[in-house]
N, C-alpha and C. Protein backbone atom coordinates (compact mmCIF):
# COMPACT_ATOMS: atom_id res chain seq x y z
N MET A 1 -51.64 39.66 -14.85
CA MET A 1 -52.39 39.19 -13.72
C MET A 1 -51.12 39.58 -12.63
N GLY A 2 -51.34 40.58 -11.91
CA GLY A 2 -50.21 41.10 -10.84
C GLY A 2 -50.64 40.06 -9.61
N GLY A 3 -49.89 39.01 -9.30
CA GLY A 3 -50.10 38.43 -7.81
C GLY A 3 -49.30 39.09 -6.91
N SER A 4 -49.59 38.52 -5.77
CA SER A 4 -48.75 38.75 -4.53
C SER A 4 -48.34 37.79 -3.82
N SER A 5 -46.96 37.84 -3.45
CA SER A 5 -46.13 36.77 -3.04
C SER A 5 -46.41 36.44 -1.46
N THR A 6 -46.37 35.26 -1.31
CA THR A 6 -46.96 35.03 0.06
C THR A 6 -46.02 34.05 0.86
N VAL A 7 -45.89 34.13 2.12
CA VAL A 7 -44.46 33.47 2.73
C VAL A 7 -45.34 32.10 3.65
N ASN A 8 -44.75 30.95 3.04
CA ASN A 8 -45.40 30.08 3.54
C ASN A 8 -45.15 29.71 5.48
N GLN A 9 -46.10 30.50 5.89
CA GLN A 9 -46.09 30.48 7.21
C GLN A 9 -46.82 29.56 7.98
N PRO A 10 -46.36 28.97 8.96
CA PRO A 10 -47.48 27.68 10.15
C PRO A 10 -48.55 28.48 10.35
N ALA A 11 -49.62 27.83 10.49
CA ALA A 11 -50.65 28.16 11.31
C ALA A 11 -50.40 28.54 12.76
N ALA A 12 -51.08 29.79 13.36
CA ALA A 12 -51.21 29.90 14.76
C ALA A 12 -51.09 28.70 15.81
N PRO A 13 -50.23 28.61 16.52
CA PRO A 13 -50.07 27.42 17.25
C PRO A 13 -51.54 27.30 18.30
N THR A 14 -51.95 26.02 18.44
CA THR A 14 -52.94 26.22 19.24
C THR A 14 -52.81 25.51 20.80
N VAL A 15 -51.10 24.98 20.89
CA VAL A 15 -50.93 24.98 21.99
C VAL A 15 -49.86 26.31 22.64
N VAL A 16 -50.43 26.79 23.73
CA VAL A 16 -49.72 27.83 24.08
C VAL A 16 -48.53 27.06 24.80
N PRO A 17 -47.01 27.23 23.92
CA PRO A 17 -45.99 26.89 24.65
C PRO A 17 -45.45 27.31 25.56
N TRP A 18 -45.20 28.29 25.98
CA TRP A 18 -44.54 28.92 27.03
C TRP A 18 -45.24 29.89 27.96
N SER A 19 -44.87 30.09 29.20
CA SER A 19 -45.65 31.03 30.04
C SER A 19 -44.67 31.74 30.93
N ARG A 20 -44.66 32.73 31.49
CA ARG A 20 -43.59 33.25 32.58
C ARG A 20 -44.49 33.65 33.80
N ASP A 21 -43.88 33.27 35.03
CA ASP A 21 -44.78 33.63 36.34
C ASP A 21 -43.47 33.91 37.20
N PRO A 22 -43.53 35.30 37.83
CA PRO A 22 -42.45 35.35 38.73
C PRO A 22 -42.05 34.38 40.12
N GLU A 23 -43.14 33.24 40.12
CA GLU A 23 -42.94 32.21 40.92
C GLU A 23 -42.45 31.18 40.66
N VAL A 24 -42.46 31.14 39.72
CA VAL A 24 -41.58 29.97 39.03
C VAL A 24 -40.34 30.19 38.32
N LEU A 25 -39.51 29.50 38.76
CA LEU A 25 -38.00 30.16 38.52
C LEU A 25 -37.83 31.46 38.22
N GLY A 26 -38.00 32.19 39.11
CA GLY A 26 -37.88 33.72 39.02
C GLY A 26 -38.35 34.20 37.99
N GLY A 27 -39.54 34.16 37.55
CA GLY A 27 -40.06 34.48 36.17
C GLY A 27 -39.29 34.13 34.73
N GLU A 28 -38.60 33.12 34.89
CA GLU A 28 -37.62 33.09 33.63
C GLU A 28 -38.95 32.18 32.44
N LEU A 29 -38.97 32.45 31.53
CA LEU A 29 -39.69 31.80 30.39
C LEU A 29 -39.69 30.41 30.53
N VAL A 30 -40.83 29.67 30.72
CA VAL A 30 -40.89 27.98 31.09
C VAL A 30 -41.80 27.40 30.04
N PHE A 31 -41.56 26.29 29.65
CA PHE A 31 -42.85 25.47 29.01
C PHE A 31 -44.03 25.41 29.75
N THR A 32 -45.33 25.81 29.61
CA THR A 32 -46.57 26.07 30.02
C THR A 32 -46.81 24.26 30.87
N GLY A 33 -46.99 24.51 32.04
CA GLY A 33 -47.10 23.50 33.08
C GLY A 33 -46.02 22.80 33.69
N THR A 34 -44.69 23.49 33.11
CA THR A 34 -43.69 23.03 33.64
C THR A 34 -42.87 24.09 34.50
N ARG A 35 -41.55 23.34 35.19
CA ARG A 35 -40.67 24.21 35.40
C ARG A 35 -39.54 24.06 34.42
N VAL A 36 -39.58 23.94 33.13
CA VAL A 36 -38.45 23.57 32.07
C VAL A 36 -38.10 25.13 31.42
N PRO A 37 -37.07 25.43 31.46
CA PRO A 37 -36.59 26.58 30.89
C PRO A 37 -36.75 26.26 29.24
N VAL A 38 -37.73 27.56 28.37
CA VAL A 38 -37.60 27.34 27.27
C VAL A 38 -36.16 27.32 26.64
N ARG A 39 -35.33 27.72 27.15
CA ARG A 39 -34.09 28.41 26.96
C ARG A 39 -33.30 26.90 26.82
N SER A 40 -33.59 26.03 27.93
CA SER A 40 -32.72 24.67 27.76
C SER A 40 -32.89 23.97 26.20
N LEU A 41 -34.35 24.17 25.93
CA LEU A 41 -34.49 23.44 24.35
C LEU A 41 -33.42 24.02 23.18
N PHE A 42 -33.28 25.51 23.34
CA PHE A 42 -32.13 25.67 22.53
C PHE A 42 -30.95 25.54 23.13
N ASP A 43 -30.71 25.41 24.20
CA ASP A 43 -29.36 24.82 24.28
C ASP A 43 -28.72 23.41 24.17
N HIS A 44 -29.88 22.63 24.04
CA HIS A 44 -29.58 21.08 23.45
C HIS A 44 -29.42 21.09 21.96
N LEU A 45 -30.49 22.05 21.14
CA LEU A 45 -30.12 22.31 19.84
C LEU A 45 -28.75 22.70 19.69
N GLU A 46 -28.38 23.70 20.02
CA GLU A 46 -27.27 24.33 20.11
C GLU A 46 -25.98 23.46 19.92
N ALA A 47 -26.46 22.19 20.93
CA ALA A 47 -25.52 21.35 21.32
C ALA A 47 -25.23 20.35 20.48
N GLY A 48 -26.36 20.25 19.53
CA GLY A 48 -26.65 19.22 18.47
C GLY A 48 -27.45 18.21 18.93
N ASP A 49 -27.97 18.28 19.84
CA ASP A 49 -29.11 17.12 20.59
C ASP A 49 -30.35 16.97 19.65
N ALA A 50 -30.62 15.73 19.28
CA ALA A 50 -31.84 15.52 18.87
C ALA A 50 -33.02 16.05 19.44
N LEU A 51 -34.18 16.32 18.82
CA LEU A 51 -35.21 16.68 19.65
C LEU A 51 -35.99 15.59 20.54
N ALA A 52 -35.62 14.50 19.97
CA ALA A 52 -36.11 13.28 20.71
C ALA A 52 -35.04 13.07 21.99
N ASP A 53 -34.09 13.48 22.07
CA ASP A 53 -33.37 13.42 23.11
C ASP A 53 -33.69 14.61 24.28
N PHE A 54 -33.96 15.72 23.70
CA PHE A 54 -34.63 16.58 24.72
C PHE A 54 -35.95 16.23 25.42
N LEU A 55 -36.66 15.62 24.49
CA LEU A 55 -38.13 15.25 25.00
C LEU A 55 -37.80 14.04 25.86
N GLU A 56 -37.09 13.23 25.93
CA GLU A 56 -36.60 12.25 26.79
C GLU A 56 -36.13 12.71 28.03
N GLY A 57 -35.27 13.74 27.89
CA GLY A 57 -34.96 14.62 29.25
C GLY A 57 -35.94 15.27 29.73
N PHE A 58 -36.78 15.45 29.47
CA PHE A 58 -37.96 16.46 29.81
C PHE A 58 -39.34 15.95 29.74
N PRO A 59 -39.61 15.23 30.36
CA PRO A 59 -40.95 14.25 30.14
C PRO A 59 -41.82 15.18 30.15
N SER A 60 -42.06 15.95 30.78
CA SER A 60 -43.14 17.22 31.30
C SER A 60 -43.52 17.98 29.96
N VAL A 61 -42.17 18.03 29.07
CA VAL A 61 -42.43 18.77 27.96
C VAL A 61 -43.25 17.84 26.45
N SER A 62 -44.05 18.43 25.89
CA SER A 62 -44.62 17.81 25.04
C SER A 62 -44.23 18.20 23.74
N ARG A 63 -43.92 17.21 22.79
CA ARG A 63 -43.66 17.52 21.79
C ARG A 63 -44.56 18.16 20.90
N GLU A 64 -45.76 18.62 21.36
CA GLU A 64 -46.38 19.66 20.66
C GLU A 64 -45.85 20.96 21.25
N GLN A 65 -45.72 21.11 22.42
CA GLN A 65 -45.38 22.47 23.00
C GLN A 65 -44.01 22.84 22.56
N VAL A 66 -43.09 21.72 22.08
CA VAL A 66 -41.98 22.10 21.42
C VAL A 66 -41.81 22.86 19.84
N ILE A 67 -42.78 22.01 19.36
CA ILE A 67 -43.09 22.42 17.90
C ILE A 67 -43.85 23.90 17.80
N ALA A 68 -44.68 24.23 18.65
CA ALA A 68 -45.35 25.31 19.11
C ALA A 68 -44.60 26.86 19.02
N ALA A 69 -43.40 26.05 19.94
CA ALA A 69 -42.54 27.36 20.47
C ALA A 69 -41.52 27.78 19.54
N LEU A 70 -41.07 26.52 18.61
CA LEU A 70 -40.04 26.86 17.46
C LEU A 70 -40.87 27.54 16.38
N GLU A 71 -42.14 27.18 16.18
CA GLU A 71 -42.91 27.98 15.32
C GLU A 71 -43.56 29.55 15.29
N GLU A 72 -43.59 29.54 16.74
CA GLU A 72 -43.93 30.66 17.31
C GLU A 72 -42.58 31.73 17.15
N CYS A 73 -41.36 31.26 17.61
CA CYS A 73 -40.23 32.05 17.05
C CYS A 73 -39.88 32.23 15.78
N TRP A 74 -40.15 31.30 15.06
CA TRP A 74 -40.12 31.63 13.41
C TRP A 74 -40.81 32.63 12.77
N VAL A 75 -41.86 32.62 13.45
CA VAL A 75 -43.33 33.61 13.04
C VAL A 75 -42.63 35.00 13.42
N ARG A 76 -42.47 35.20 14.61
CA ARG A 76 -41.84 36.14 15.35
C ARG A 76 -40.47 36.99 14.68
N THR A 77 -39.71 35.80 14.12
CA THR A 77 -38.47 36.55 13.56
C THR A 77 -38.80 36.71 11.90
N ALA A 78 -39.41 36.07 11.37
CA ALA A 78 -40.11 36.03 9.95
C ALA A 78 -40.64 37.60 9.63
N ASP A 79 -41.29 38.12 11.06
CA ASP A 79 -41.80 39.18 10.94
C ASP A 79 -41.08 40.60 10.99
N GLU A 80 -39.79 40.04 11.43
CA GLU A 80 -38.76 41.37 11.79
C GLU A 80 -38.31 41.78 10.59
N ASP A 81 -38.00 42.79 10.41
CA ASP A 81 -37.17 43.40 9.18
C ASP A 81 -35.59 42.83 9.23
N PRO A 82 -35.26 42.90 8.33
CA PRO A 82 -33.75 42.56 8.37
C PRO A 82 -33.00 43.42 8.90
N PRO A 83 -31.55 43.30 9.66
CA PRO A 83 -30.64 44.55 9.81
C PRO A 83 -30.17 45.31 9.06
């Protein structure tokens, strides 16, 4: 029986993690409903900060938004062909 392999991908997020508006931080990608740049999450993670530390520092961002953003990035990256 020839089966197909599947990649275990997370379900599509029900939370819209980010938005872009030219009137908010000059159009920088921010967590929806906030003025917190999505880039700040990655800066914190790159610095070795725990997710809890990021959420404590930015209480307007929900854990669900962060998880949805990370999942969306993963899905987009997983769909790309390797270089």
